[in-house]
Amino acid sequence: MSKWLNDAIFYEIYPQSFCDSNGDGIGDLPGILSRLDYIQDLGCNAIWLNPCFDSPFVDAGYDVRDYFRIAPWYGTNEDLKNLASELHRRGMHLLLDLVPGHTSDTCRWFVESARAEKNEYTDRYVWTNSVWDSFEGVSQIMGVIRGGTERNGACAANFFNAQPALNYGFAGPDPEKPWQQPVDAPGPMATRAAIKDVMRFWLGLGVDGFRVDMAGSLVKSDPGQQETIRLWQDFRAFLDQEYPEAVLVSEWGQPDRSLLAGFHMDFLLHFGPSHYLDLFRVEHPYFSREGKGDCRTFFDIYLHNRELTGGKGLICIPSGNHDMIRLAPKLDDEELKIAFAFLYSMPGVPFLYYGDEIGERYVEGLASVEGGYERTGSRSPMAWDHTTNAGFSSAPKEDLYIAQGPTVDTVNVETEQSDPNSVWNAVHALIALRKEHPALGNEADFQLLELQDHSYPLVYERKAGSERILVVLNPSGQEAVMETALPASHTLLYAAGGMKGQQDFAGNASGKCLVPPASAALFVLS
């Protein structure tokens, strides 16, 4: 595994909403380049860039038209190369968003595949033999593209119907449906080769790897995902031979499978079995001071996956991403500080979604842009300062590609950085502590000490070498009793919320510690 992942802290950027350098209302690569000081000063040392390839943007760039060209409104291939070069000069790294499961229906591959005459792209996508055939009952296929092509067939679609599914074969082809090709058929193997060429191209321009969209969905009719795992092991073997330092991060949500498949890291997601949503985004989040949340199931699955992966990879717990409702509508600023104390004291590689560090709000009621629908409110432009459009763009307000929310005058980087009690300053401090203390590192040991069903506090220990750090989190608005004994020799490293200093961590008559309401504390144990 690439050594830089050991202390990586990622910042996810939705490029059209981060910084607009040319006043057209759309963020771009030169804009990102101009804000690298900010990202580095915050403490992040790696960037995950959401899709930036040429696309009609039916689905936020997850409908790729040309894998080898940067979308013109973001800049040029040279701009991307310059961004990677500048990041490397700063000791930082860059992951691109790779979409291997489908393309746009305007992609040249699909246009050629849809022709009646056979050609090298005929089997690049999953087609039936008749336009009237359906994909009913076929797993990992969400939709169908039917009609409007020379070819007599229906094409499988992933997600939106403008996203034809690339052909990696079927784990268990139905002999009565000859269009279901095995994974080692020429068509699926050609698709693999094409995606390897895409990887080679961008790695050759200086990127450090890829976050892979829908990584577990490529092979169809693969209920146990064994063929999908073997597929990614083949990709990993290719990278190990040609680009051994290249990093792969999966959108899979099942680390026991994705890490076996050769990925370095896997996200816990808003879908799948992880119960990640229980932490921040259900009706009663665990990190709300109402005290009605529960994260027992989350930790049951987390610890099970941690055991299964045997330390071979990293399980990532992100603050959010472009597909989730932002943290801010569920948690207020004080609750956010406790949530971030959790996020930056857990194992794995932290991923911070742009704007979460300032408590940027979810924007209600926005018209859908790029197929975002309810997700559009989490993709609004970054709020930098008190100038026009909160410093995001010099375009007239009505020309902004995605509208800004009503809170930018009070929730922006300038305001947050000047307030010592802000969310930004809490995140900044926590990232600095994580870098300073090996026991808070990405791969340091983790032991859950205290957590009961629907109860508080949450207590765990991190350890690296001789350093031990005790993490005590009580998001609820009620005082909680900690059963874990606090050694006589300890030092308060960090406090938030109701915990202002070591004197607030009192003992009761039985000698047990009383944890203040809505508080977080990190102790160095001697």
Protein backbone atom coordinates (compact mmCIF):
# COMPACT_ATOMS: atom_id res chain seq x y z
CA MET A 1 0.00 0.00 0.00
CA SER A 2 1.20 3.53 -0.79
CA LYS A 3 2.90 4.90 2.33
CA TRP A 4 1.25 8.30 2.01
CA LEU A 5 -2.12 6.73 2.84
CA ASN A 6 -0.90 6.14 6.39
CA ASP A 7 -1.46 9.80 7.23
CA ALA A 8 -3.81 10.88 4.42
CA ILE A 9 -6.71 13.21 5.18
CA PHE A 10 -8.91 13.74 2.12
CA TYR A 11 -10.94 16.72 0.99
CA GLU A 12 -13.71 15.91 -1.50
CA ILE A 13 -14.40 18.58 -4.11
CA TYR A 14 -17.50 18.82 -6.28
CA PRO A 15 -15.71 20.84 -9.00
CA GLN A 16 -18.61 22.89 -10.37
CA SER A 17 -19.33 24.25 -6.90
CA PHE A 18 -15.94 24.97 -5.32
CA CYS A 19 -14.39 28.03 -6.97
CA ASP A 20 -15.10 29.74 -10.29
CA SER A 21 -11.99 31.35 -11.78
CA ASN A 22 -13.46 32.83 -14.97
CA GLY A 23 -16.83 34.23 -13.93
CA ASP A 24 -19.08 31.86 -15.86
CA GLY A 25 -20.89 30.68 -12.72
CA ILE A 26 -19.30 27.22 -12.76
CA GLY A 27 -16.38 26.09 -10.64
CA ASP A 28 -13.28 24.89 -12.49
CA LEU A 29 -9.79 23.43 -12.14
CA PRO A 30 -7.95 26.79 -12.03
CA GLY A 31 -10.34 27.77 -9.26
CA ILE A 32 -9.39 24.68 -7.27
CA LEU A 33 -5.71 25.44 -7.87
CA SER A 34 -6.24 28.93 -6.43
CA ARG A 35 -7.63 27.48 -3.18
CA LEU A 36 -4.95 24.90 -2.41
CA ASP A 37 -3.52 27.10 0.36
CA TYR A 38 -6.90 26.91 2.11
CA ILE A 39 -7.13 23.11 1.83
CA GLN A 40 -3.56 22.67 3.03
CA ASP A 41 -3.98 25.14 5.91
CA LEU A 42 -7.06 23.25 7.05
CA GLY A 43 -4.83 20.19 7.35
CA CYS A 44 -5.98 18.07 4.42
CA ASN A 45 -3.23 16.58 2.30
CA ALA A 46 -5.17 14.79 -0.44
CA ILE A 47 -8.08 15.62 -2.76
CA TRP A 48 -10.81 13.45 -4.20
CA LEU A 49 -12.15 15.24 -7.26
CA ASN A 50 -15.67 14.31 -8.36
CA PRO A 51 -16.08 13.54 -12.10
CA CYS A 52 -14.32 16.03 -14.32
CA PHE A 53 -14.26 14.18 -17.68
CA ASP A 54 -16.14 15.42 -20.73
CA SER A 55 -19.85 14.71 -20.27
CA PRO A 56 -23.32 15.98 -21.14
CA PHE A 57 -23.80 16.11 -17.34
CA VAL A 58 -27.12 14.33 -17.17
CA ASP A 59 -25.79 12.87 -13.91
CA ALA A 60 -23.12 15.22 -12.57
CA GLY A 61 -20.44 13.82 -14.87
CA TYR A 62 -21.14 10.23 -13.90
CA ASP A 63 -22.26 9.90 -17.52
CA VAL A 64 -18.88 10.05 -19.26
CA ARG A 65 -18.74 11.04 -22.91
CA ASP A 66 -14.95 10.99 -23.29
CA TYR A 67 -12.74 9.36 -20.66
CA PHE A 68 -9.63 11.01 -22.05
CA ARG A 69 -10.65 14.67 -21.97
CA ILE A 70 -11.43 17.13 -19.17
CA ALA A 71 -14.87 18.74 -19.51
CA PRO A 72 -14.24 22.10 -21.24
CA TRP A 73 -16.08 24.15 -18.60
CA TYR A 74 -13.60 22.84 -16.00
CA GLY A 75 -10.53 23.56 -18.11
CA THR A 76 -8.11 21.38 -20.05
CA ASN A 77 -6.07 18.23 -19.59
CA GLU A 78 -3.13 20.53 -19.03
CA ASP A 79 -4.98 22.21 -16.15
CA LEU A 80 -5.48 18.80 -14.53
CA LYS A 81 -1.81 17.96 -15.04
CA ASN A 82 -0.82 21.29 -13.45
CA LEU A 83 -3.13 20.66 -10.49
CA ALA A 84 -1.56 17.25 -9.86
CA SER A 85 1.92 18.71 -10.19
CA GLU A 86 1.22 21.53 -7.72
CA LEU A 87 -0.31 19.10 -5.23
CA HIS A 88 2.80 16.93 -5.43
CA ARG A 89 5.01 19.98 -4.90
CA ARG A 90 3.12 20.55 -1.65
CA GLY A 91 3.39 16.90 -0.60
CA MET A 92 -0.31 16.37 -1.41
CA HIS A 93 -2.10 13.84 -3.62
CA LEU A 94 -5.00 13.59 -6.07
CA LEU A 95 -7.64 10.94 -6.75
CA LEU A 96 -9.96 11.20 -9.73
CA ASP A 97 -13.47 9.77 -9.81
CA LEU A 98 -13.47 6.78 -12.14
CA VAL A 99 -16.79 5.58 -13.55
CA PRO A 100 -16.16 2.09 -14.99
CA GLY A 101 -19.72 0.77 -14.90
CA HIS A 102 -21.38 2.90 -17.55
CA THR A 103 -20.90 5.81 -19.93
CA SER A 104 -23.11 8.49 -21.43
CA ASP A 105 -25.33 7.42 -24.30
CA THR A 106 -23.46 10.11 -26.28
CA CYS A 107 -20.11 8.35 -25.74
CA ARG A 108 -18.50 7.24 -29.01
CA TRP A 109 -18.26 3.72 -27.61
CA PHE A 110 -22.04 3.56 -27.27
CA VAL A 111 -22.77 5.26 -30.59
CA GLU A 112 -20.67 2.62 -32.36
CA SER A 113 -22.10 -0.20 -30.25
CA ALA A 114 -25.63 0.81 -31.26
CA ARG A 115 -24.92 0.38 -34.98
CA ALA A 116 -26.44 -2.54 -36.85
CA GLU A 117 -23.17 -3.73 -38.34
CA LYS A 118 -20.77 -5.57 -36.05
CA ASN A 119 -17.69 -3.63 -34.95
CA GLU A 120 -15.13 -3.50 -32.13
CA TYR A 121 -17.69 -1.83 -29.80
CA THR A 122 -20.60 -4.20 -30.47
CA ASP A 123 -20.03 -6.07 -27.20
CA ARG A 124 -18.80 -3.10 -25.16
CA TYR A 125 -22.26 -2.83 -23.52
CA VAL A 126 -24.88 -5.29 -22.28
CA TRP A 127 -27.38 -5.77 -25.13
CA THR A 128 -30.18 -8.27 -25.60
CA ASN A 129 -30.81 -9.87 -28.99
CA SER A 130 -34.16 -8.17 -29.52
CA VAL A 131 -35.47 -4.71 -28.73
CA TRP A 132 -38.46 -6.40 -27.10
CA ASP A 133 -36.40 -8.41 -24.60
CA SER A 134 -36.23 -7.18 -21.03
CA PHE A 135 -33.80 -7.43 -18.11
CA GLU A 136 -36.44 -8.39 -15.60
CA GLY A 137 -34.97 -10.50 -12.81
CA VAL A 138 -31.35 -9.84 -13.80
CA SER A 139 -29.41 -8.52 -10.80
CA GLN A 140 -27.20 -5.41 -10.96
CA ILE A 141 -29.23 -3.98 -13.86
CA MET A 142 -31.41 -1.03 -12.93
CA GLY A 143 -32.98 0.03 -16.21
CA VAL A 144 -33.21 -0.34 -19.94
CA ILE A 145 -32.54 1.73 -23.05
CA ARG A 146 -34.96 0.62 -25.73
CA GLY A 147 -35.53 1.98 -29.24
CA GLY A 148 -33.92 4.76 -31.25
CA THR A 149 -30.96 2.67 -32.40
CA GLU A 150 -30.13 0.80 -35.61
CA ARG A 151 -29.30 -2.24 -33.55
CA ASN A 152 -32.11 -4.67 -32.79
CA GLY A 153 -31.65 -5.00 -29.08
CA ALA A 154 -32.31 -3.40 -25.70
CA CYS A 155 -29.35 -2.09 -23.71
CA ALA A 156 -28.99 -2.38 -19.94
CA ALA A 157 -28.82 0.92 -18.07
CA ASN A 158 -27.24 1.80 -14.75
CA PHE A 159 -29.07 4.39 -12.66
CA PHE A 160 -30.43 6.90 -15.23
CA ASN A 161 -31.53 5.73 -18.68
CA ALA A 162 -28.82 7.86 -20.31
CA GLN A 163 -26.16 5.64 -18.70
CA PRO A 164 -25.74 2.41 -20.71
CA ALA A 165 -24.06 -0.36 -18.74
CA LEU A 166 -20.62 -1.47 -19.84
CA ASN A 167 -20.20 -5.20 -20.37
CA TYR A 168 -18.03 -7.10 -17.88
CA GLY A 169 -19.98 -10.30 -18.39
CA PHE A 170 -22.28 -12.41 -16.21
CA ALA A 171 -21.18 -14.56 -13.32
CA GLY A 172 -23.86 -17.10 -14.15
CA PRO A 173 -24.98 -16.65 -17.76
CA ASP A 174 -28.42 -18.00 -18.57
CA PRO A 175 -27.95 -20.54 -21.40
CA GLU A 176 -31.37 -19.58 -22.74
CA LYS A 177 -30.20 -15.97 -23.12
CA PRO A 178 -27.10 -16.08 -25.35
CA TRP A 179 -26.59 -12.34 -24.98
CA GLN A 180 -25.46 -12.99 -21.39
CA GLN A 181 -21.74 -13.41 -21.98
CA PRO A 182 -19.34 -15.04 -19.49
CA VAL A 183 -16.79 -12.78 -17.82
CA ASP A 184 -13.94 -14.12 -19.95
CA ALA A 185 -15.69 -13.63 -23.30
CA PRO A 186 -13.96 -11.27 -25.80
CA GLY A 187 -16.43 -8.42 -25.22
CA PRO A 188 -16.04 -8.25 -21.41
CA MET A 189 -12.27 -8.66 -21.71
CA ALA A 190 -12.12 -5.77 -24.21
CA THR A 191 -14.05 -3.61 -21.73
CA ARG A 192 -11.47 -4.39 -19.04
CA ALA A 193 -8.67 -3.44 -21.43
CA ALA A 194 -10.37 -0.15 -22.29
CA ILE A 195 -10.70 0.88 -18.64
CA LYS A 196 -7.06 -0.06 -18.02
CA ASP A 197 -6.16 2.33 -20.85
CA VAL A 198 -8.16 5.07 -19.12
CA MET A 199 -6.26 4.44 -15.88
CA ARG A 200 -2.91 4.48 -17.69
CA PHE A 201 -3.72 7.80 -19.34
CA TRP A 202 -4.49 9.74 -16.16
CA LEU A 203 -1.84 8.07 -14.02
CA GLY A 204 0.58 9.12 -16.75
CA LEU A 205 -0.56 12.72 -16.29
CA GLY A 206 0.28 12.60 -12.60
CA VAL A 207 -2.84 11.57 -10.70
CA ASP A 208 -2.30 9.23 -7.74
CA GLY A 209 -5.24 6.90 -8.21
CA PHE A 210 -9.00 6.66 -8.37
CA ARG A 211 -12.12 6.58 -6.29
CA VAL A 212 -14.23 4.04 -8.16
CA ASP A 213 -17.94 4.62 -8.65
CA MET A 214 -20.31 1.66 -8.03
CA ALA A 215 -17.32 -0.67 -7.79
CA GLY A 216 -19.33 -3.67 -6.67
CA SER A 217 -21.83 -3.59 -9.54
CA LEU A 218 -19.78 -4.38 -12.64
CA VAL A 219 -20.31 -8.11 -13.17
CA LYS A 220 -23.99 -8.91 -13.60
CA SER A 221 -25.88 -11.82 -11.99
CA ASP A 222 -23.14 -12.05 -9.37
CA PRO A 223 -25.03 -12.31 -6.06
CA GLY A 224 -21.98 -13.22 -3.98
CA GLN A 225 -19.82 -10.78 -5.96
CA GLN A 226 -17.05 -13.37 -6.33
CA GLU A 227 -16.56 -12.63 -10.03
CA THR A 228 -16.61 -8.91 -9.32
CA ILE A 229 -13.92 -9.45 -6.68
CA ARG A 230 -11.83 -11.40 -9.21
CA LEU A 231 -12.35 -8.63 -11.76
CA TRP A 232 -10.91 -6.02 -9.41
CA GLN A 233 -8.07 -8.32 -8.40
CA ASP A 234 -7.16 -8.34 -12.09
CA PHE A 235 -7.21 -4.52 -12.16
CA ARG A 236 -5.06 -4.45 -9.01
CA ALA A 237 -2.55 -6.89 -10.54
CA PHE A 238 -2.31 -4.64 -13.62
CA LEU A 239 -1.67 -1.61 -11.43
CA ASP A 240 0.84 -3.44 -9.26
CA GLN A 241 2.81 -4.23 -12.38
CA GLU A 242 2.67 -0.84 -14.08
CA TYR A 243 1.74 1.70 -11.37
CA PRO A 244 2.36 0.02 -7.99
CA GLU A 245 1.81 3.26 -6.04
CA ALA A 246 -1.62 3.88 -7.59
CA VAL A 247 -4.40 4.03 -5.00
CA LEU A 248 -7.87 2.53 -5.42
CA VAL A 249 -10.76 3.58 -3.18
CA SER A 250 -14.10 1.85 -3.66
CA GLU A 251 -17.69 2.95 -3.51
CA TRP A 252 -18.76 -0.49 -2.35
CA GLY A 253 -19.79 -0.23 1.30
CA GLN A 254 -18.70 -3.78 2.13
CA PRO A 255 -15.04 -3.70 3.19
CA ASP A 256 -14.90 -7.47 3.66
CA ARG A 257 -15.37 -7.76 -0.12
CA SER A 258 -13.79 -4.61 -1.51
CA LEU A 259 -10.51 -4.92 0.36
CA LEU A 260 -10.22 -8.56 -0.68
CA ALA A 261 -10.75 -7.32 -4.24
CA GLY A 262 -7.60 -5.21 -4.02
CA PHE A 263 -8.91 -1.80 -2.99
CA HIS A 264 -6.89 0.10 -0.41
CA MET A 265 -9.97 1.64 1.17
CA ASP A 266 -13.74 1.37 1.19
CA PHE A 267 -16.33 3.96 2.17
CA LEU A 268 -19.11 3.30 4.59
CA LEU A 269 -22.06 4.64 2.64
CA HIS A 270 -25.64 5.82 2.91
CA PHE A 271 -26.68 2.57 1.23
CA GLY A 272 -25.64 -0.98 2.01
CA PRO A 273 -25.39 -2.81 5.33
CA SER A 274 -23.09 -0.53 7.36
CA HIS A 275 -25.74 1.48 9.31
CA TYR A 276 -23.59 4.58 8.70
CA LEU A 277 -26.78 6.66 8.54
CA ASP A 278 -27.51 5.84 12.21
CA LEU A 279 -24.70 8.20 13.18
CA PHE A 280 -25.83 11.42 11.52
CA ARG A 281 -28.73 11.11 9.10
CA VAL A 282 -31.69 9.21 10.53
CA GLU A 283 -34.70 10.69 12.31
CA HIS A 284 -32.90 10.37 15.63
CA PRO A 285 -29.12 10.52 14.91
CA TYR A 286 -26.74 9.19 17.53
CA PHE A 287 -24.89 12.51 17.50
CA SER A 288 -27.97 14.59 18.32
CA ARG A 289 -28.31 15.97 21.84
CA GLU A 290 -31.88 14.66 22.03
CA GLY A 291 -30.24 11.42 23.13
CA LYS A 292 -32.56 9.04 21.28
CA GLY A 293 -30.02 7.67 18.82
CA ASP A 294 -28.29 4.31 18.70
CA CYS A 295 -25.03 3.23 17.07
CA ARG A 296 -24.82 -0.29 18.47
CA THR A 297 -25.66 -1.93 15.13
CA PHE A 298 -23.19 0.34 13.36
CA PHE A 299 -20.38 -0.80 15.64
CA ASP A 300 -21.40 -4.45 15.49
CA ILE A 301 -20.96 -4.38 11.71
CA TYR A 302 -17.91 -2.10 11.83
CA LEU A 303 -16.04 -4.35 14.26
CA HIS A 304 -17.04 -7.45 12.30
CA ASN A 305 -15.68 -5.95 9.07
CA ARG A 306 -12.57 -4.74 10.86
CA GLU A 307 -11.90 -8.28 12.03
CA LEU A 308 -12.60 -9.77 8.59
CA THR A 309 -10.24 -7.35 6.85
CA GLY A 310 -7.45 -8.18 9.27
CA GLY A 311 -5.82 -4.79 8.98
CA LYS A 312 -5.21 -5.28 5.25
CA GLY A 313 -7.07 -2.13 4.30
CA LEU A 314 -8.81 0.94 5.64
CA ILE A 315 -12.47 1.48 6.40
CA CYS A 316 -13.43 5.12 5.78
CA ILE A 317 -16.17 6.98 7.65
CA PRO A 318 -16.76 10.19 5.63
CA SER A 319 -18.42 13.37 6.88
CA GLY A 320 -20.66 13.04 3.83
CA ASN A 321 -20.46 13.28 0.07
CA HIS A 322 -22.22 14.65 -3.00
CA ASP A 323 -24.94 11.97 -2.78
CA MET A 324 -25.95 12.61 0.84
CA ILE A 325 -27.91 15.30 2.61
CA ARG A 326 -25.40 17.48 4.45
CA LEU A 327 -24.76 17.03 8.17
CA ALA A 328 -26.00 20.51 9.03
CA PRO A 329 -29.78 19.99 8.74
CA LYS A 330 -29.63 17.15 11.27
CA LEU A 331 -26.95 18.56 13.58
CA ASP A 332 -26.35 22.11 14.81
CA ASP A 333 -22.86 23.56 15.20
CA GLU A 334 -22.26 22.25 18.72
CA GLU A 335 -23.43 18.77 17.72
CA LEU A 336 -21.21 18.95 14.65
CA LYS A 337 -18.14 19.53 16.84
CA ILE A 338 -18.81 16.30 18.72
CA ALA A 339 -19.45 14.44 15.45
CA PHE A 340 -16.11 15.67 14.09
CA ALA A 341 -14.37 14.60 17.31
CA PHE A 342 -15.63 11.12 16.44
CA LEU A 343 -14.69 11.30 12.76
CA TYR A 344 -11.13 12.47 13.46
CA SER A 345 -10.45 10.05 16.28
CA MET A 346 -11.57 6.87 14.48
CA PRO A 347 -9.31 4.57 12.40
CA GLY A 348 -9.33 4.70 8.63
CA VAL A 349 -8.70 7.57 6.26
CA PRO A 350 -10.87 10.64 6.97
CA PHE A 351 -12.82 12.11 4.03
CA LEU A 352 -14.20 15.62 4.43
CA TYR A 353 -16.86 16.84 2.00
CA TYR A 354 -16.21 20.43 0.94
CA GLY A 355 -18.11 22.91 3.11
CA ASP A 356 -18.79 20.46 5.95
CA GLU A 357 -15.89 22.04 7.82
CA ILE A 358 -17.79 25.35 8.04
CA GLY A 359 -21.14 23.76 8.82
CA GLU A 360 -22.41 24.64 5.36
CA ARG A 361 -26.16 24.11 5.27
CA TYR A 362 -28.20 21.90 3.04
CA VAL A 363 -30.15 24.21 0.70
CA GLU A 364 -33.85 23.35 0.64
CA GLY A 365 -36.04 23.65 -2.42
CA LEU A 366 -33.47 23.86 -5.20
CA ALA A 367 -34.51 22.79 -8.67
CA SER A 368 -32.62 19.69 -9.75
CA VAL A 369 -29.31 20.32 -11.54
CA GLU A 370 -27.47 17.49 -13.33
CA GLY A 371 -29.82 14.84 -12.03
CA GLY A 372 -29.19 15.83 -8.43
CA TYR A 373 -32.85 16.10 -7.37
CA GLU A 374 -32.84 16.19 -3.54
CA ARG A 375 -29.03 15.89 -3.62
CA THR A 376 -28.74 19.28 -5.36
CA GLY A 377 -29.07 21.03 -2.00
CA SER A 378 -25.81 19.40 -0.89
CA ARG A 379 -23.97 20.60 -3.99
CA SER A 380 -24.41 24.36 -3.66
CA PRO A 381 -21.39 26.66 -4.16
CA MET A 382 -18.78 27.00 -1.45
CA ALA A 383 -19.14 30.14 0.67
CA TRP A 384 -15.76 31.84 1.05
CA ASP A 385 -16.30 35.39 2.28
CA HIS A 386 -18.63 38.42 2.31
CA THR A 387 -18.01 39.52 -1.26
CA THR A 388 -20.32 38.94 -4.25
CA ASN A 389 -21.65 35.36 -4.36
CA ALA A 390 -19.73 34.70 -1.13
CA GLY A 391 -16.48 34.74 -3.11
CA PHE A 392 -17.39 31.73 -5.24
CA SER A 393 -17.87 33.55 -8.57
CA SER A 394 -17.93 37.01 -10.14
CA ALA A 395 -20.89 36.01 -12.32
CA PRO A 396 -24.29 37.64 -11.81
CA LYS A 397 -26.19 35.73 -9.14
CA GLU A 398 -28.76 34.45 -11.63
CA ASP A 399 -25.95 32.91 -13.72
CA LEU A 400 -24.67 30.63 -10.97
CA TYR A 401 -24.95 27.06 -12.21
CA ILE A 402 -26.26 25.91 -8.82
CA ALA A 403 -27.82 28.53 -6.56
CA GLN A 404 -26.28 29.45 -3.22
CA GLY A 405 -28.19 29.10 0.00
CA PRO A 406 -29.53 31.93 2.19
CA THR A 407 -26.94 31.47 4.97
CA VAL A 408 -23.77 32.41 3.08
CA ASP A 409 -23.53 35.80 4.80
CA THR A 410 -23.12 34.12 8.18
CA VAL A 411 -21.79 30.66 7.26
CA ASN A 412 -18.64 31.15 5.22
CA VAL A 413 -14.91 30.54 5.55
CA GLU A 414 -14.08 34.12 6.51
CA THR A 415 -16.61 34.19 9.34
CA GLU A 416 -15.74 30.71 10.57
CA GLN A 417 -12.00 31.29 10.63
CA SER A 418 -12.40 34.50 12.65
CA ASP A 419 -14.57 32.82 15.32
CA PRO A 420 -12.46 30.77 17.78
CA ASN A 421 -15.55 28.72 18.73
CA SER A 422 -16.53 27.84 15.17
CA VAL A 423 -16.91 24.46 13.54
CA TRP A 424 -14.00 25.29 11.22
CA ASN A 425 -11.65 25.89 14.14
CA ALA A 426 -12.77 22.65 15.78
CA VAL A 427 -12.09 20.67 12.59
CA HIS A 428 -8.75 22.44 12.14
CA ALA A 429 -7.71 21.58 15.70
CA LEU A 430 -8.81 17.94 15.42
CA ILE A 431 -6.91 17.41 12.17
CA ALA A 432 -3.80 18.92 13.76
CA LEU A 433 -4.13 16.56 16.75
CA ARG A 434 -4.56 13.59 14.45
CA LYS A 435 -1.34 14.47 12.67
CA GLU A 436 0.54 15.11 15.90
CA HIS A 437 -0.46 11.93 17.75
CA PRO A 438 0.35 8.51 16.27
CA ALA A 439 -2.37 6.90 18.40
CA LEU A 440 -4.96 8.83 16.36
CA GLY A 441 -3.45 7.68 13.08
CA ASN A 442 -5.23 5.96 10.25
CA GLU A 443 -3.91 2.51 11.12
CA ALA A 444 -3.45 2.81 14.89
CA ASP A 445 -5.13 0.21 17.11
CA PHE A 446 -8.76 0.61 18.10
CA GLN A 447 -10.63 -0.90 21.04
CA LEU A 448 -14.27 -0.20 21.81
CA LEU A 449 -14.60 0.07 25.59
CA GLU A 450 -18.11 1.23 26.26
CA LEU A 451 -21.32 1.25 24.26
CA GLN A 452 -24.72 -0.13 25.17
CA ASP A 453 -27.94 -0.19 23.16
CA HIS A 454 -29.54 3.27 22.98
CA SER A 455 -27.19 4.64 25.60
CA TYR A 456 -24.40 7.12 26.13
CA PRO A 457 -21.45 7.66 26.41
CA LEU A 458 -19.39 6.13 23.63
CA VAL A 459 -15.88 5.29 24.88
CA TYR A 460 -12.95 3.82 22.95
CA GLU A 461 -9.19 3.71 23.05
CA ARG A 462 -6.66 4.33 20.28
CA LYS A 463 -3.11 3.08 20.62
CA ALA A 464 0.17 3.26 18.72
CA GLY A 465 3.41 2.15 20.33
CA SER A 466 3.47 3.47 23.88
CA GLU A 467 0.89 6.21 23.24
CA ARG A 468 -2.70 5.61 24.35
CA ILE A 469 -5.59 8.02 23.84
CA LEU A 470 -9.00 7.60 25.44
CA VAL A 471 -11.95 9.07 23.51
CA VAL A 472 -15.12 9.87 25.47
CA LEU A 473 -18.16 11.10 23.53
CA ASN A 474 -21.51 12.00 25.05
CA PRO A 475 -23.61 13.60 22.30
CA SER A 476 -26.79 13.46 24.40
CA GLY A 477 -28.07 16.48 26.29
CA GLN A 478 -28.03 14.52 29.55
CA GLU A 479 -25.13 13.80 31.87
CA ALA A 480 -23.84 10.24 31.39
CA VAL A 481 -21.98 7.82 33.62
CA MET A 482 -18.76 6.32 32.30
CA GLU A 483 -18.01 2.84 33.60
CA THR A 484 -14.45 2.82 32.25
CA ALA A 485 -11.93 3.86 34.88
CA LEU A 486 -9.86 6.89 34.03
CA PRO A 487 -6.24 6.30 35.16
CA ALA A 488 -4.86 8.67 37.76
CA SER A 489 -2.22 9.81 35.32
CA HIS A 490 -3.90 11.37 32.30
CA THR A 491 -3.89 14.62 30.35
CA LEU A 492 -6.82 16.29 28.66
CA LEU A 493 -5.89 16.63 25.01
CA TYR A 494 -9.10 18.01 23.54
CA ALA A 495 -12.51 19.09 24.82
CA ALA A 496 -15.69 20.27 23.11
CA GLY A 497 -19.27 21.12 24.01
CA GLY A 498 -20.12 20.72 27.69
CA MET A 499 -16.56 19.65 28.38
CA LYS A 500 -14.56 22.83 28.85
CA GLY A 501 -11.74 21.48 30.97
CA GLN A 502 -10.61 18.55 33.06
CA GLN A 503 -12.49 19.87 36.08
CA ASP A 504 -15.78 19.21 34.23
CA PHE A 505 -15.07 15.49 34.15
CA ALA A 506 -16.32 14.83 37.67
CA GLY A 507 -16.69 11.68 39.75
CA ASN A 508 -19.84 10.55 41.51
CA ALA A 509 -20.24 8.91 44.90
CA SER A 510 -19.31 5.49 43.54
CA GLY A 511 -16.12 6.82 42.01
CA LYS A 512 -17.36 6.56 38.43
CA CYS A 513 -16.86 9.47 36.05
CA LEU A 514 -19.73 11.73 35.13
CA VAL A 515 -19.53 12.87 31.52
CA PRO A 516 -20.99 16.35 30.91
CA PRO A 517 -23.96 16.71 28.53
CA ALA A 518 -23.23 17.18 24.81
CA SER A 519 -19.50 16.82 25.20
CA ALA A 520 -16.38 15.28 23.70
CA ALA A 521 -13.06 14.66 25.39
CA LEU A 522 -9.77 13.09 24.35
CA PHE A 523 -7.28 12.07 27.06
CA VAL A 524 -3.68 11.00 26.73
CA LEU A 525 -3.14 8.13 29.17
CA SER A 526 0.18 7.63 30.91
